[in-house]
Amino acid sequence: MPEIRPYRPSDRAAVADICVLTADNGGDSRALYPDLELMPSIFALPYVELEPELAFVLTDEDHPVGYILGTADTPTFAARFRTEWLPRLADRYPPPTQPPGTPTELMISLMHDPERLVIPEVAAYPAHLHIDLLPQYQRSGHGRALMTTLLDALATAGVPAVHLTMLTSNTKARAFYDRLGFHHIPVPDVDVVTYLGRSTS
């Protein structure tokens, strides 16, 4: 029976694998991003490194099959990404010198712009999160349980609200978040992604 527990450093490789297998709109991203370190280096590993106390894994026989990762304070996280995390990646992923022309180049451009996370429209929702489950563990209540675990941890830490960003085209994910009480946060000049937020209580 799958169970949720706090992240452990020994889960790092499994968390990276889950990220790769869900990073293309919820599906396997290996064809789109052949560098298997790229997506975890942006969307998973900095969270478990910088705020492991807000990282939880869904396990099956103690092997991670899903996760929820977060930060309590997005501006602080962006600053730490810049000063503590990004220097570790600079040799493998140098800063771009021209506009991105491929999906990989676009992701590297995002990597080098952690300040993109800090926008005034979500200031009232200081925390943000990422949640991913392998396909065979979806639609079984595990996503809701993971979300409840993180929301409880944020509430205990005194964080009033949380936001997330999702691809607007991912209608299945939007339905999931709607059921969990998330609502749309209007952000001007944005259509590829949608911002959603809710209180932690």
C-alpha atoms as a PDB file:
ATOM      1  CA  MET A   1       0.000   0.000   0.000  1.00  0.00           C
ATOM      2  CA  PRO A   2       1.588   3.327  -1.009  1.00  0.00           C
ATOM      3  CA  GLU A   3       2.512   5.597   1.887  1.00  0.00           C
ATOM      4  CA  ILE A   4       3.666   9.195   2.281  1.00  0.00           C
ATOM      5  CA  ARG A   5       6.781  10.060   4.234  1.00  0.00           C
ATOM      6  CA  PRO A   6       9.278  12.924   4.432  1.00  0.00           C
ATOM      7  CA  TYR A   7      11.954  13.103   1.758  1.00  0.00           C
ATOM      8  CA  ARG A   8      15.307  11.471   2.497  1.00  0.00           C
ATOM      9  CA  PRO A   9      18.606  12.241   0.711  1.00  0.00           C
ATOM     10  CA  SER A  10      18.600   8.642  -0.533  1.00  0.00           C
ATOM     11  CA  ASP A  11      15.432   9.495  -2.527  1.00  0.00           C
ATOM     12  CA  ARG A  12      17.260  12.038  -4.706  1.00  0.00           C
ATOM     13  CA  ALA A  13      17.744   9.859  -7.813  1.00  0.00           C
ATOM     14  CA  ALA A  14      14.175   8.532  -7.662  1.00  0.00           C
ATOM     15  CA  VAL A  15      12.762  12.062  -7.367  1.00  0.00           C
ATOM     16  CA  ALA A  16      14.808  13.098 -10.416  1.00  0.00           C
ATOM     17  CA  ASP A  17      13.478  10.101 -12.367  1.00  0.00           C
ATOM     18  CA  ILE A  18       9.863  10.935 -11.465  1.00  0.00           C
ATOM     19  CA  CYS A  19      10.426  14.499 -12.627  1.00  0.00           C
ATOM     20  CA  VAL A  20      11.733  13.294 -16.009  1.00  0.00           C
ATOM     21  CA  LEU A  21       8.872  10.820 -16.438  1.00  0.00           C
ATOM     22  CA  THR A  22       6.212  13.489 -15.787  1.00  0.00           C
ATOM     23  CA  ALA A  23       7.782  16.711 -17.135  1.00  0.00           C
ATOM     24  CA  ASP A  24       6.064  16.723 -20.529  1.00  0.00           C
ATOM     25  CA  ASN A  25       2.589  17.866 -19.508  1.00  0.00           C
ATOM     26  CA  GLY A  26       2.370  15.008 -17.035  1.00  0.00           C
ATOM     27  CA  GLY A  27       4.047  12.451 -19.307  1.00  0.00           C
ATOM     28  CA  ASP A  28       7.509  11.143 -20.184  1.00  0.00           C
ATOM     29  CA  SER A  29       9.771  14.030 -21.214  1.00  0.00           C
ATOM     30  CA  ARG A  30      12.798  12.060 -22.431  1.00  0.00           C
ATOM     31  CA  ALA A  31      12.086  12.632 -26.122  1.00  0.00           C
ATOM     32  CA  LEU A  32      11.534  16.362 -25.604  1.00  0.00           C
ATOM     33  CA  TYR A  33      14.446  16.920 -23.211  1.00  0.00           C
ATOM     34  CA  PRO A  34      17.126  14.268 -23.886  1.00  0.00           C
ATOM     35  CA  ASP A  35      19.388  15.635 -21.138  1.00  0.00           C
ATOM     36  CA  LEU A  36      17.919  13.756 -18.186  1.00  0.00           C
ATOM     37  CA  GLU A  37      19.449  16.109 -15.626  1.00  0.00           C
ATOM     38  CA  LEU A  38      17.881  19.260 -17.051  1.00  0.00           C
ATOM     39  CA  MET A  39      14.298  19.206 -15.800  1.00  0.00           C
ATOM     40  CA  PRO A  40      15.101  17.860 -12.302  1.00  0.00           C
ATOM     41  CA  SER A  41      17.754  20.571 -11.957  1.00  0.00           C
ATOM     42  CA  ILE A  42      15.060  23.223 -12.375  1.00  0.00           C
ATOM     43  CA  PHE A  43      11.852  21.774 -10.976  1.00  0.00           C
ATOM     44  CA  ALA A  44      12.774  19.153  -8.359  1.00  0.00           C
ATOM     45  CA  LEU A  45      16.308  19.000  -6.989  1.00  0.00           C
ATOM     46  CA  PRO A  46      16.657  22.628  -5.852  1.00  0.00           C
ATOM     47  CA  TYR A  47      13.608  22.129  -3.629  1.00  0.00           C
ATOM     48  CA  VAL A  48      14.886  18.988  -1.927  1.00  0.00           C
ATOM     49  CA  GLU A  49      18.294  20.616  -1.495  1.00  0.00           C
ATOM     50  CA  LEU A  50      17.183  24.055  -0.293  1.00  0.00           C
ATOM     51  CA  GLU A  51      13.997  23.180   1.667  1.00  0.00           C
ATOM     52  CA  PRO A  52      13.971  19.443   2.363  1.00  0.00           C
ATOM     53  CA  GLU A  53      11.570  20.003   5.276  1.00  0.00           C
ATOM     54  CA  LEU A  54       8.867  20.763   2.683  1.00  0.00           C
ATOM     55  CA  ALA A  55       9.563  17.719   0.508  1.00  0.00           C
ATOM     56  CA  PHE A  56       7.419  14.592   0.806  1.00  0.00           C
ATOM     57  CA  VAL A  57       7.394  11.385  -1.225  1.00  0.00           C
ATOM     58  CA  LEU A  58       4.740   8.820  -1.997  1.00  0.00           C
ATOM     59  CA  THR A  59       6.384   5.428  -1.703  1.00  0.00           C
ATOM     60  CA  ASP A  60       5.482   1.901  -2.761  1.00  0.00           C
ATOM     61  CA  GLU A  61       7.472  -0.591  -0.706  1.00  0.00           C
ATOM     62  CA  ASP A  62       9.567   2.426   0.353  1.00  0.00           C
ATOM     63  CA  HIS A  63      10.501   3.342  -3.232  1.00  0.00           C
ATOM     64  CA  PRO A  64       9.369   6.835  -4.298  1.00  0.00           C
ATOM     65  CA  VAL A  65       6.639   6.856  -6.954  1.00  0.00           C
ATOM     66  CA  GLY A  66       5.506  10.448  -6.500  1.00  0.00           C
ATOM     67  CA  TYR A  67       6.378  13.608  -4.643  1.00  0.00           C
ATOM     68  CA  ILE A  68       5.280  17.044  -3.549  1.00  0.00           C
ATOM     69  CA  LEU A  69       7.933  19.724  -3.112  1.00  0.00           C
ATOM     70  CA  GLY A  70       7.604  23.294  -2.014  1.00  0.00           C
ATOM     71  CA  THR A  71       9.011  26.462  -0.603  1.00  0.00           C
ATOM     72  CA  ALA A  72       7.488  28.550   2.159  1.00  0.00           C
ATOM     73  CA  ASP A  73       8.641  31.866   0.695  1.00  0.00           C
ATOM     74  CA  THR A  74       9.022  32.264  -3.062  1.00  0.00           C
ATOM     75  CA  PRO A  75      11.179  35.450  -3.102  1.00  0.00           C
ATOM     76  CA  THR A  76      13.623  33.874  -0.640  1.00  0.00           C
ATOM     77  CA  PHE A  77      13.708  30.674  -2.671  1.00  0.00           C
ATOM     78  CA  ALA A  78      14.423  32.601  -5.885  1.00  0.00           C
ATOM     79  CA  ALA A  79      17.280  34.427  -4.201  1.00  0.00           C
ATOM     80  CA  ARG A  80      18.756  31.194  -2.847  1.00  0.00           C
ATOM     81  CA  PHE A  81      18.337  29.520  -6.251  1.00  0.00           C
ATOM     82  CA  ARG A  82      20.412  32.364  -7.696  1.00  0.00           C
ATOM     83  CA  THR A  83      23.157  32.371  -5.083  1.00  0.00           C
ATOM     84  CA  GLU A  84      23.296  28.767  -3.827  1.00  0.00           C
ATOM     85  CA  TRP A  85      21.884  26.474  -6.506  1.00  0.00           C
ATOM     86  CA  LEU A  86      22.636  28.067  -9.870  1.00  0.00           C
ATOM     87  CA  PRO A  87      26.432  28.171  -9.367  1.00  0.00           C
ATOM     88  CA  ARG A  88      26.399  24.356  -9.191  1.00  0.00           C
ATOM     89  CA  LEU A  89      24.862  24.208 -12.677  1.00  0.00           C
ATOM     90  CA  ALA A  90      26.806  26.925 -14.488  1.00  0.00           C
ATOM     91  CA  ASP A  91      29.454  24.645 -16.002  1.00  0.00           C
ATOM     92  CA  ARG A  92      26.931  22.155 -17.391  1.00  0.00           C
ATOM     93  CA  TYR A  93      24.378  24.805 -18.366  1.00  0.00           C
ATOM     94  CA  PRO A  94      26.097  28.104 -19.166  1.00  0.00           C
ATOM     95  CA  PRO A  95      23.938  31.231 -19.348  1.00  0.00           C
ATOM     96  CA  PRO A  96      22.335  31.586 -22.793  1.00  0.00           C
ATOM     97  CA  THR A  97      23.789  34.197 -25.115  1.00  0.00           C
ATOM     98  CA  GLN A  98      20.913  34.282 -27.593  1.00  0.00           C
ATOM     99  CA  PRO A  99      17.137  33.743 -27.577  1.00  0.00           C
ATOM    100  CA  PRO A 100      16.130  30.087 -27.112  1.00  0.00           C
ATOM    101  CA  GLY A 101      15.486  28.106 -30.277  1.00  0.00           C
ATOM    102  CA  THR A 102      14.753  24.638 -28.868  1.00  0.00           C
ATOM    103  CA  PRO A 103      12.810  23.267 -25.879  1.00  0.00           C
ATOM    104  CA  THR A 104      16.108  22.540 -24.104  1.00  0.00           C
ATOM    105  CA  GLU A 105      17.382  26.071 -24.689  1.00  0.00           C
ATOM    106  CA  LEU A 106      14.098  27.458 -23.369  1.00  0.00           C
ATOM    107  CA  MET A 107      14.456  25.466 -20.153  1.00  0.00           C
ATOM    108  CA  ILE A 108      18.063  26.593 -19.704  1.00  0.00           C
ATOM    109  CA  SER A 109      16.879  30.161 -20.153  1.00  0.00           C
ATOM    110  CA  LEU A 110      14.275  29.612 -17.404  1.00  0.00           C
ATOM    111  CA  MET A 111      16.942  28.064 -15.187  1.00  0.00           C
ATOM    112  CA  HIS A 112      18.989  31.235 -15.376  1.00  0.00           C
ATOM    113  CA  ASP A 113      16.011  33.436 -14.511  1.00  0.00           C
ATOM    114  CA  PRO A 114      14.790  32.375 -11.054  1.00  0.00           C
ATOM    115  CA  GLU A 115      13.459  35.899 -10.559  1.00  0.00           C
ATOM    116  CA  ARG A 116      10.633  34.948 -12.937  1.00  0.00           C
ATOM    117  CA  LEU A 117       9.067  33.250  -9.911  1.00  0.00           C
ATOM    118  CA  VAL A 118       8.568  36.549  -8.112  1.00  0.00           C
ATOM    119  CA  ILE A 119       5.574  38.424  -9.497  1.00  0.00           C
ATOM    120  CA  PRO A 120       3.309  40.859  -7.659  1.00  0.00           C
ATOM    121  CA  GLU A 121       0.086  39.037  -8.498  1.00  0.00           C
ATOM    122  CA  VAL A 122       1.039  36.053  -6.282  1.00  0.00           C
ATOM    123  CA  ALA A 123       2.531  38.027  -3.383  1.00  0.00           C
ATOM    124  CA  ALA A 124      -0.426  37.075  -1.163  1.00  0.00           C
ATOM    125  CA  TYR A 125       0.394  33.378  -1.838  1.00  0.00           C
ATOM    126  CA  PRO A 126       4.034  33.288  -0.676  1.00  0.00           C
ATOM    127  CA  ALA A 127       4.558  29.540  -0.887  1.00  0.00           C
ATOM    128  CA  HIS A 128       4.634  27.564  -4.114  1.00  0.00           C
ATOM    129  CA  LEU A 129       4.763  23.863  -4.929  1.00  0.00           C
ATOM    130  CA  HIS A 130       5.389  21.127  -7.482  1.00  0.00           C
ATOM    131  CA  ILE A 131       3.545  17.790  -7.367  1.00  0.00           C
ATOM    132  CA  ASP A 132       4.161  14.793  -9.638  1.00  0.00           C
ATOM    133  CA  LEU A 133       3.130  11.150  -9.560  1.00  0.00           C
ATOM    134  CA  LEU A 134       3.974   8.315 -11.909  1.00  0.00           C
ATOM    135  CA  PRO A 135       0.947   7.616 -14.156  1.00  0.00           C
ATOM    136  CA  GLN A 136       0.003   4.309 -12.533  1.00  0.00           C
ATOM    137  CA  TYR A 137      -0.382   6.072  -9.167  1.00  0.00           C
ATOM    138  CA  GLN A 138      -2.562   8.887 -10.435  1.00  0.00           C
ATOM    139  CA  ARG A 139      -6.349   9.100  -9.986  1.00  0.00           C
ATOM    140  CA  SER A 140      -6.200   6.996  -6.825  1.00  0.00           C
ATOM    141  CA  GLY A 141      -6.351   9.671  -4.136  1.00  0.00           C
ATOM    142  CA  HIS A 142      -2.583   9.859  -3.695  1.00  0.00           C
ATOM    143  CA  GLY A 143      -2.304  13.338  -5.189  1.00  0.00           C
ATOM    144  CA  ARG A 144      -4.898  14.680  -2.764  1.00  0.00           C
ATOM    145  CA  ALA A 145      -3.071  13.017   0.143  1.00  0.00           C
ATOM    146  CA  LEU A 146       0.254  14.531  -0.916  1.00  0.00           C
ATOM    147  CA  MET A 147      -1.335  17.960  -1.234  1.00  0.00           C
ATOM    148  CA  THR A 148      -2.903  17.677   2.212  1.00  0.00           C
ATOM    149  CA  THR A 149       0.473  16.731   3.676  1.00  0.00           C
ATOM    150  CA  LEU A 150       2.188  19.808   2.270  1.00  0.00           C
ATOM    151  CA  LEU A 151      -0.686  22.166   3.092  1.00  0.00           C
ATOM    152  CA  ASP A 152      -0.625  20.956   6.693  1.00  0.00           C
ATOM    153  CA  ALA A 153       3.151  21.505   6.885  1.00  0.00           C
ATOM    154  CA  LEU A 154       2.829  25.018   5.473  1.00  0.00           C
ATOM    155  CA  ALA A 155      -0.023  25.877   7.835  1.00  0.00           C
ATOM    156  CA  THR A 156       1.987  24.611  10.804  1.00  0.00           C
ATOM    157  CA  ALA A 157       4.856  26.867   9.687  1.00  0.00           C
ATOM    158  CA  GLY A 158       2.493  29.847   9.641  1.00  0.00           C
ATOM    159  CA  VAL A 159       2.369  30.216   5.850  1.00  0.00           C
ATOM    160  CA  PRO A 160      -1.104  31.516   4.918  1.00  0.00           C
ATOM    161  CA  ALA A 161      -1.401  30.594   1.241  1.00  0.00           C
ATOM    162  CA  VAL A 162       0.294  28.782  -1.630  1.00  0.00           C
ATOM    163  CA  HIS A 163       0.347  29.061  -5.411  1.00  0.00           C
ATOM    164  CA  LEU A 164       1.407  26.918  -8.331  1.00  0.00           C
ATOM    165  CA  THR A 165       1.986  27.330 -12.027  1.00  0.00           C
ATOM    166  CA  MET A 166       0.665  24.860 -14.594  1.00  0.00           C
ATOM    167  CA  LEU A 167       0.533  24.619 -18.351  1.00  0.00           C
ATOM    168  CA  THR A 168      -2.840  25.980 -19.399  1.00  0.00           C
ATOM    169  CA  SER A 169      -3.209  23.098 -21.859  1.00  0.00           C
ATOM    170  CA  ASN A 170      -3.081  20.493 -19.069  1.00  0.00           C
ATOM    171  CA  THR A 171      -6.825  20.267 -18.507  1.00  0.00           C
ATOM    172  CA  LYS A 172      -6.593  17.104 -16.389  1.00  0.00           C
ATOM    173  CA  ALA A 173      -4.280  18.820 -13.935  1.00  0.00           C
ATOM    174  CA  ARG A 174      -6.557  21.864 -13.811  1.00  0.00           C
ATOM    175  CA  ALA A 175      -9.532  19.675 -12.913  1.00  0.00           C
ATOM    176  CA  PHE A 176      -7.490  18.084 -10.115  1.00  0.00           C
ATOM    177  CA  TYR A 177      -6.498  21.453  -8.667  1.00  0.00           C
ATOM    178  CA  ASP A 178     -10.058  22.774  -8.948  1.00  0.00           C
ATOM    179  CA  ARG A 179     -11.286  19.836  -6.881  1.00  0.00           C
ATOM    180  CA  LEU A 180      -8.717  20.717  -4.224  1.00  0.00           C
ATOM    181  CA  GLY A 181      -9.985  24.262  -3.882  1.00  0.00           C
ATOM    182  CA  PHE A 182      -7.421  26.128  -5.972  1.00  0.00           C
ATOM    183  CA  HIS A 183      -8.634  29.176  -7.877  1.00  0.00           C
ATOM    184  CA  HIS A 184      -7.297  31.161 -10.812  1.00  0.00           C
ATOM    185  CA  ILE A 185      -4.963  34.076 -10.069  1.00  0.00           C
ATOM    186  CA  PRO A 186      -5.131  36.618 -12.912  1.00  0.00           C
ATOM    187  CA  VAL A 187      -1.681  37.478 -14.252  1.00  0.00           C
ATOM    188  CA  PRO A 188      -1.498  39.837 -17.250  1.00  0.00           C
ATOM    189  CA  ASP A 189       0.200  38.887 -20.521  1.00  0.00           C
ATOM    190  CA  VAL A 190       0.326  35.186 -19.649  1.00  0.00           C
ATOM    191  CA  ASP A 191      -1.503  32.483 -21.585  1.00  0.00           C
ATOM    192  CA  VAL A 192       0.778  29.446 -21.911  1.00  0.00           C
ATOM    193  CA  VAL A 193       0.711  28.968 -18.135  1.00  0.00           C
ATOM    194  CA  THR A 194      -1.984  29.466 -15.535  1.00  0.00           C
ATOM    195  CA  TYR A 195      -1.448  30.571 -11.943  1.00  0.00           C
ATOM    196  CA  LEU A 196      -3.586  28.983  -9.238  1.00  0.00           C
ATOM    197  CA  GLY A 197      -3.702  29.612  -5.515  1.00  0.00           C
ATOM    198  CA  ARG A 198      -5.451  28.712  -2.276  1.00  0.00           C
ATOM    199  CA  SER A 199      -5.117  29.167   1.459  1.00  0.00           C
ATOM    200  CA  THR A 200      -3.287  26.525   3.434  1.00  0.00           C
ATOM    201  CA  SER A 201      -6.248  26.027   5.774  1.00  0.00           C
END
